[in-house]
C-alpha atoms as a PDB file:
ATOM      1  CA  MET A   1      -1.592 -14.601 -20.229  1.00  0.00           C
ATOM      2  CA  GLU A   2      -3.463 -11.294 -20.608  1.00  0.00           C
ATOM      3  CA  ASP A   3      -4.104  -9.153 -17.510  1.00  0.00           C
ATOM      4  CA  CYS A   4      -7.894  -8.919 -17.023  1.00  0.00           C
ATOM      5  CA  LYS A   5      -7.754  -6.346 -14.234  1.00  0.00           C
ATOM      6  CA  GLY A   6      -9.364  -3.051 -15.129  1.00  0.00           C
ATOM      7  CA  TYR A   7      -7.009  -0.151 -14.484  1.00  0.00           C
ATOM      8  CA  VAL A   8      -7.665   3.541 -13.960  1.00  0.00           C
ATOM      9  CA  GLN A   9      -5.957   5.869 -16.417  1.00  0.00           C
ATOM     10  CA  VAL A  10      -5.837   9.669 -16.220  1.00  0.00           C
ATOM     11  CA  TYR A  11      -5.024  12.004 -19.114  1.00  0.00           C
ATOM     12  CA  THR A  12      -4.500  15.538 -17.810  1.00  0.00           C
ATOM     13  CA  GLY A  13      -2.417  18.667 -18.405  1.00  0.00           C
ATOM     14  CA  ASN A  14      -2.774  21.903 -20.340  1.00  0.00           C
ATOM     15  CA  GLY A  15      -1.859  20.418 -23.726  1.00  0.00           C
ATOM     16  CA  LYS A  16      -4.131  19.358 -26.564  1.00  0.00           C
ATOM     17  CA  GLY A  17      -4.960  15.687 -26.961  1.00  0.00           C
ATOM     18  CA  LYS A  18      -6.554  14.313 -23.795  1.00  0.00           C
ATOM     19  CA  THR A  19      -9.959  13.566 -25.302  1.00  0.00           C
ATOM     20  CA  THR A  20      -8.304  12.551 -28.572  1.00  0.00           C
ATOM     21  CA  ALA A  21      -6.091  10.023 -26.748  1.00  0.00           C
ATOM     22  CA  SER A  22      -9.094   8.555 -24.946  1.00  0.00           C
ATOM     23  CA  PHE A  23     -10.968   8.212 -28.241  1.00  0.00           C
ATOM     24  CA  GLY A  24      -7.944   6.468 -29.721  1.00  0.00           C
ATOM     25  CA  LEU A  25      -8.088   3.971 -26.869  1.00  0.00           C
ATOM     26  CA  ALA A  26     -11.867   3.615 -27.410  1.00  0.00           C
ATOM     27  CA  LEU A  27     -11.296   2.846 -31.080  1.00  0.00           C
ATOM     28  CA  ARG A  28      -8.616   0.276 -30.277  1.00  0.00           C
ATOM     29  CA  ALA A  29     -10.861  -1.377 -27.673  1.00  0.00           C
ATOM     30  CA  ALA A  30     -13.860  -1.427 -30.026  1.00  0.00           C
ATOM     31  CA  MET A  31     -11.788  -2.973 -32.813  1.00  0.00           C
ATOM     32  CA  ALA A  32     -10.770  -5.689 -30.328  1.00  0.00           C
ATOM     33  CA  GLY A  33     -14.470  -6.435 -29.748  1.00  0.00           C
ATOM     34  CA  LYS A  34     -14.756  -4.598 -26.445  1.00  0.00           C
ATOM     35  CA  LYS A  35     -17.795  -2.527 -25.521  1.00  0.00           C
ATOM     36  CA  VAL A  36     -17.071   1.148 -24.731  1.00  0.00           C
ATOM     37  CA  PHE A  37     -19.086   3.839 -22.945  1.00  0.00           C
ATOM     38  CA  ILE A  38     -18.001   7.469 -23.145  1.00  0.00           C
ATOM     39  CA  GLY A  39     -19.585  10.055 -20.864  1.00  0.00           C
ATOM     40  CA  GLN A  40     -18.601  13.634 -21.626  1.00  0.00           C
ATOM     41  CA  PHE A  41     -18.919  15.971 -18.662  1.00  0.00           C
ATOM     42  CA  VAL A  42     -19.342  19.734 -19.141  1.00  0.00           C
ATOM     43  CA  LYS A  43     -19.762  19.250 -22.915  1.00  0.00           C
ATOM     44  CA  GLY A  44     -23.140  19.699 -24.566  1.00  0.00           C
ATOM     45  CA  MET A  45     -22.189  21.018 -27.971  1.00  0.00           C
ATOM     46  CA  PRO A  46     -22.349  18.919 -31.173  1.00  0.00           C
ATOM     47  CA  TYR A  47     -18.727  17.745 -31.397  1.00  0.00           C
ATOM     48  CA  SER A  48     -17.838  15.559 -34.396  1.00  0.00           C
ATOM     49  CA  GLU A  49     -17.010  12.572 -32.168  1.00  0.00           C
ATOM     50  CA  LEU A  50     -20.698  12.224 -31.299  1.00  0.00           C
ATOM     51  CA  LYS A  51     -21.104  10.557 -34.717  1.00  0.00           C
ATOM     52  CA  VAL A  52     -18.833   7.632 -33.770  1.00  0.00           C
ATOM     53  CA  PRO A  53     -21.712   5.291 -32.769  1.00  0.00           C
ATOM     54  CA  GLU A  54     -23.133   5.644 -36.299  1.00  0.00           C
ATOM     55  CA  PHE A  55     -20.009   3.861 -37.550  1.00  0.00           C
ATOM     56  CA  ILE A  56     -18.900   1.714 -34.613  1.00  0.00           C
ATOM     57  CA  LYS A  57     -21.793  -0.001 -32.853  1.00  0.00           C
ATOM     58  CA  ASN A  58     -19.939  -1.037 -29.688  1.00  0.00           C
ATOM     59  CA  ILE A  59     -19.157   2.574 -28.696  1.00  0.00           C
ATOM     60  CA  GLU A  60     -21.840   4.546 -26.869  1.00  0.00           C
ATOM     61  CA  ILE A  61     -21.534   8.274 -26.072  1.00  0.00           C
ATOM     62  CA  ARG A  62     -23.566  10.583 -23.822  1.00  0.00           C
ATOM     63  CA  GLN A  63     -22.999  14.200 -22.880  1.00  0.00           C
ATOM     64  CA  TYR A  64     -23.521  15.582 -19.394  1.00  0.00           C
ATOM     65  CA  GLY A  65     -23.240  19.289 -20.064  1.00  0.00           C
ATOM     66  CA  ALA A  66     -25.225  22.299 -21.237  1.00  0.00           C
ATOM     67  CA  ASP A  67     -24.943  23.917 -24.663  1.00  0.00           C
ATOM     68  CA  CYS A  68     -21.602  25.553 -24.028  1.00  0.00           C
ATOM     69  CA  PHE A  69     -18.497  24.918 -21.988  1.00  0.00           C
ATOM     70  CA  ILE A  70     -18.533  26.647 -18.586  1.00  0.00           C
ATOM     71  CA  VAL A  71     -16.784  30.017 -18.843  1.00  0.00           C
ATOM     72  CA  LYS A  72     -17.597  31.574 -15.469  1.00  0.00           C
ATOM     73  CA  ALA A  73     -19.208  30.100 -12.373  1.00  0.00           C
ATOM     74  CA  PRO A  74     -21.338  27.023 -13.069  1.00  0.00           C
ATOM     75  CA  THR A  75     -25.099  27.364 -12.786  1.00  0.00           C
ATOM     76  CA  GLU A  76     -27.371  25.095 -10.745  1.00  0.00           C
ATOM     77  CA  HIS A  77     -28.331  23.542 -14.094  1.00  0.00           C
ATOM     78  CA  ASP A  78     -24.654  22.743 -14.861  1.00  0.00           C
ATOM     79  CA  ILE A  79     -24.291  21.106 -11.444  1.00  0.00           C
ATOM     80  CA  LYS A  80     -27.487  19.053 -11.837  1.00  0.00           C
ATOM     81  CA  ILE A  81     -26.523  17.780 -15.296  1.00  0.00           C
ATOM     82  CA  ALA A  82     -23.065  16.746 -14.050  1.00  0.00           C
ATOM     83  CA  LYS A  83     -24.373  15.066 -10.885  1.00  0.00           C
ATOM     84  CA  ASP A  84     -27.016  13.192 -12.895  1.00  0.00           C
ATOM     85  CA  GLY A  85     -24.285  12.160 -15.335  1.00  0.00           C
ATOM     86  CA  LEU A  86     -22.044  10.903 -12.551  1.00  0.00           C
ATOM     87  CA  ALA A  87     -24.966   8.917 -11.106  1.00  0.00           C
ATOM     88  CA  GLU A  88     -25.636   7.348 -14.506  1.00  0.00           C
ATOM     89  CA  MET A  89     -21.950   6.568 -15.043  1.00  0.00           C
ATOM     90  CA  SER A  90     -21.743   5.068 -11.549  1.00  0.00           C
ATOM     91  CA  ARG A  91     -24.570   2.711 -12.498  1.00  0.00           C
ATOM     92  CA  ILE A  92     -22.874   1.879 -15.824  1.00  0.00           C
ATOM     93  CA  LEU A  93     -19.584   1.170 -14.033  1.00  0.00           C
ATOM     94  CA  LYS A  94     -21.333  -1.172 -11.553  1.00  0.00           C
ATOM     95  CA  GLU A  95     -23.250  -3.050 -14.255  1.00  0.00           C
ATOM     96  CA  GLY A  96     -20.061  -4.117 -15.995  1.00  0.00           C
ATOM     97  CA  LYS A  97     -21.702  -4.288 -19.430  1.00  0.00           C
ATOM     98  CA  HIS A  98     -18.903  -2.112 -20.848  1.00  0.00           C
ATOM     99  CA  ASP A  99     -15.253  -3.139 -20.887  1.00  0.00           C
ATOM    100  CA  VAL A 100     -13.986   0.459 -21.110  1.00  0.00           C
ATOM    101  CA  VAL A 101     -15.615   3.517 -19.559  1.00  0.00           C
ATOM    102  CA  ILE A 102     -14.276   6.952 -20.424  1.00  0.00           C
ATOM    103  CA  MET A 103     -15.135   9.857 -18.117  1.00  0.00           C
ATOM    104  CA  ASP A 104     -14.225  12.663 -20.501  1.00  0.00           C
ATOM    105  CA  GLU A 105     -13.599  16.067 -18.882  1.00  0.00           C
ATOM    106  CA  ALA A 106     -14.373  14.667 -15.427  1.00  0.00           C
ATOM    107  CA  ASN A 107     -11.354  16.585 -14.091  1.00  0.00           C
ATOM    108  CA  ILE A 108     -12.885  19.827 -15.402  1.00  0.00           C
ATOM    109  CA  ALA A 109     -16.137  18.919 -13.642  1.00  0.00           C
ATOM    110  CA  LEU A 110     -14.085  18.520 -10.453  1.00  0.00           C
ATOM    111  CA  PHE A 111     -12.307  21.834 -11.051  1.00  0.00           C
ATOM    112  CA  TYR A 112     -15.700  23.598 -11.266  1.00  0.00           C
ATOM    113  CA  HIS A 113     -16.970  21.722  -8.163  1.00  0.00           C
ATOM    114  CA  LEU A 114     -19.804  20.065 -10.070  1.00  0.00           C
ATOM    115  CA  PHE A 115     -19.167  17.004  -7.899  1.00  0.00           C
ATOM    116  CA  SER A 116     -16.352  15.973  -5.573  1.00  0.00           C
ATOM    117  CA  ALA A 117     -13.246  13.867  -6.131  1.00  0.00           C
ATOM    118  CA  GLU A 118     -14.562  11.534  -3.419  1.00  0.00           C
ATOM    119  CA  GLU A 119     -17.819  11.005  -5.356  1.00  0.00           C
ATOM    120  CA  LEU A 120     -15.878  10.257  -8.540  1.00  0.00           C
ATOM    121  CA  ILE A 121     -13.481   7.892  -6.773  1.00  0.00           C
ATOM    122  CA  ASP A 122     -16.397   6.073  -5.093  1.00  0.00           C
ATOM    123  CA  ALA A 123     -18.069   5.561  -8.480  1.00  0.00           C
ATOM    124  CA  VAL A 124     -14.868   4.124  -9.939  1.00  0.00           C
ATOM    125  CA  LYS A 125     -14.041   1.993  -6.873  1.00  0.00           C
ATOM    126  CA  ASN A 126     -17.492   0.392  -7.008  1.00  0.00           C
ATOM    127  CA  ARG A 127     -17.166  -0.640 -10.666  1.00  0.00           C
ATOM    128  CA  ALA A 128     -17.544  -4.185 -11.866  1.00  0.00           C
ATOM    129  CA  GLU A 129     -14.386  -6.263 -11.988  1.00  0.00           C
ATOM    130  CA  GLY A 130     -12.299  -5.810 -15.120  1.00  0.00           C
ATOM    131  CA  VAL A 131     -13.716  -2.455 -16.250  1.00  0.00           C
ATOM    132  CA  GLU A 132     -10.984  -0.126 -17.537  1.00  0.00           C
ATOM    133  CA  VAL A 133     -11.625   3.538 -16.668  1.00  0.00           C
ATOM    134  CA  ILE A 134     -10.138   6.591 -18.360  1.00  0.00           C
ATOM    135  CA  ILE A 135     -10.565  10.015 -16.724  1.00  0.00           C
ATOM    136  CA  THR A 136      -9.676  13.038 -18.839  1.00  0.00           C
ATOM    137  CA  GLY A 137      -9.423  16.788 -18.403  1.00  0.00           C
ATOM    138  CA  ARG A 138      -6.921  19.347 -17.286  1.00  0.00           C
ATOM    139  CA  TYR A 139      -6.459  20.178 -13.596  1.00  0.00           C
ATOM    140  CA  ALA A 140      -6.605  16.608 -12.273  1.00  0.00           C
ATOM    141  CA  PRO A 141      -6.596  16.977  -8.482  1.00  0.00           C
ATOM    142  CA  GLN A 142      -3.982  15.151  -6.438  1.00  0.00           C
ATOM    143  CA  GLU A 143      -6.608  12.720  -5.081  1.00  0.00           C
ATOM    144  CA  ILE A 144      -7.344  11.517  -8.612  1.00  0.00           C
ATOM    145  CA  ILE A 145      -3.647  11.310  -9.518  1.00  0.00           C
ATOM    146  CA  ASP A 146      -2.938   9.283  -6.368  1.00  0.00           C
ATOM    147  CA  PHE A 147      -5.907   6.987  -7.037  1.00  0.00           C
ATOM    148  CA  ALA A 148      -5.046   6.238 -10.681  1.00  0.00           C
ATOM    149  CA  ASP A 149      -2.855   3.414 -11.950  1.00  0.00           C
ATOM    150  CA  LEU A 150      -1.560   5.417 -14.926  1.00  0.00           C
ATOM    151  CA  VAL A 151      -1.312   9.202 -15.311  1.00  0.00           C
ATOM    152  CA  THR A 152      -0.267  10.981 -18.489  1.00  0.00           C
ATOM    153  CA  GLU A 153       0.239  14.730 -18.561  1.00  0.00           C
ATOM    154  CA  MET A 154      -0.232  16.477 -21.904  1.00  0.00           C
ATOM    155  CA  LYS A 155       2.011  19.547 -21.868  1.00  0.00           C
ATOM    156  CA  GLU A 156       1.463  22.435 -24.231  1.00  0.00           C
ATOM    157  CA  ILE A 157       4.691  23.488 -25.906  1.00  0.00           C
ATOM    158  CA  LYS A 158       3.206  25.415 -28.816  1.00  0.00           C
ATOM    159  CA  HIS A 159      -0.349  25.808 -30.121  1.00  0.00           C
ATOM    160  CA  TYR A 160      -1.723  27.684 -33.121  1.00  0.00           C
ATOM    161  CA  TYR A 161      -4.667  29.088 -31.118  1.00  0.00           C
ATOM    162  CA  THR A 162      -2.201  31.690 -29.790  1.00  0.00           C
ATOM    163  CA  LYS A 163      -2.151  32.993 -33.385  1.00  0.00           C
ATOM    164  CA  GLY A 164      -5.962  33.215 -33.487  1.00  0.00           C
ATOM    165  CA  VAL A 165      -6.747  29.850 -35.062  1.00  0.00           C
ATOM    166  CA  GLU A 166     -10.238  28.815 -33.965  1.00  0.00           C
ATOM    167  CA  ALA A 167     -11.223  25.202 -33.207  1.00  0.00           C
ATOM    168  CA  ARG A 168     -11.640  23.380 -36.533  1.00  0.00           C
ATOM    169  CA  THR A 169     -14.297  20.797 -37.322  1.00  0.00           C
ATOM    170  CA  GLY A 170     -12.773  17.335 -37.443  1.00  0.00           C
ATOM    171  CA  ILE A 171      -9.563  18.452 -35.742  1.00  0.00           C
ATOM    172  CA  GLU A 172     -10.474  20.155 -32.437  1.00  0.00           C
ATOM    173  CA  LYS A 173     -14.256  19.759 -32.549  1.00  0.00           C
END
């Protein structure tokens, strides 16, 4: 008999592949007939993955970030967008209309103090029964690691960006 409990998964670490792994899970879930919501914190740029809903109707994606990734201290605008995004995702989690909810780069939002770990944990704790949650982003705080049911750390061993290779469309963006 299949386990219908929704678990909390975390993909963190300094290596490439956290968002990619979560999108792989989203694809698998969608192909199994599950409905998926992906909220991308801190991101506001036109990444290639934003086109997924054009091809797979049971995946929905929204971004909760400004035009560029935060490089220095976040602005009040960055904080507002992230807090509004967390409020919307909290509502989506409670509604239970999605089987899988991915909180992409939520750990980065925590790292930049856009909202607190307690606020994120409360949103996830108050989700509808059976909703699987994936939280991605480097720098996962200990509270999130302790709260999660599964934690995977992506560790960078070698990366071509150290040789000046920029992010490539369809591969990193």
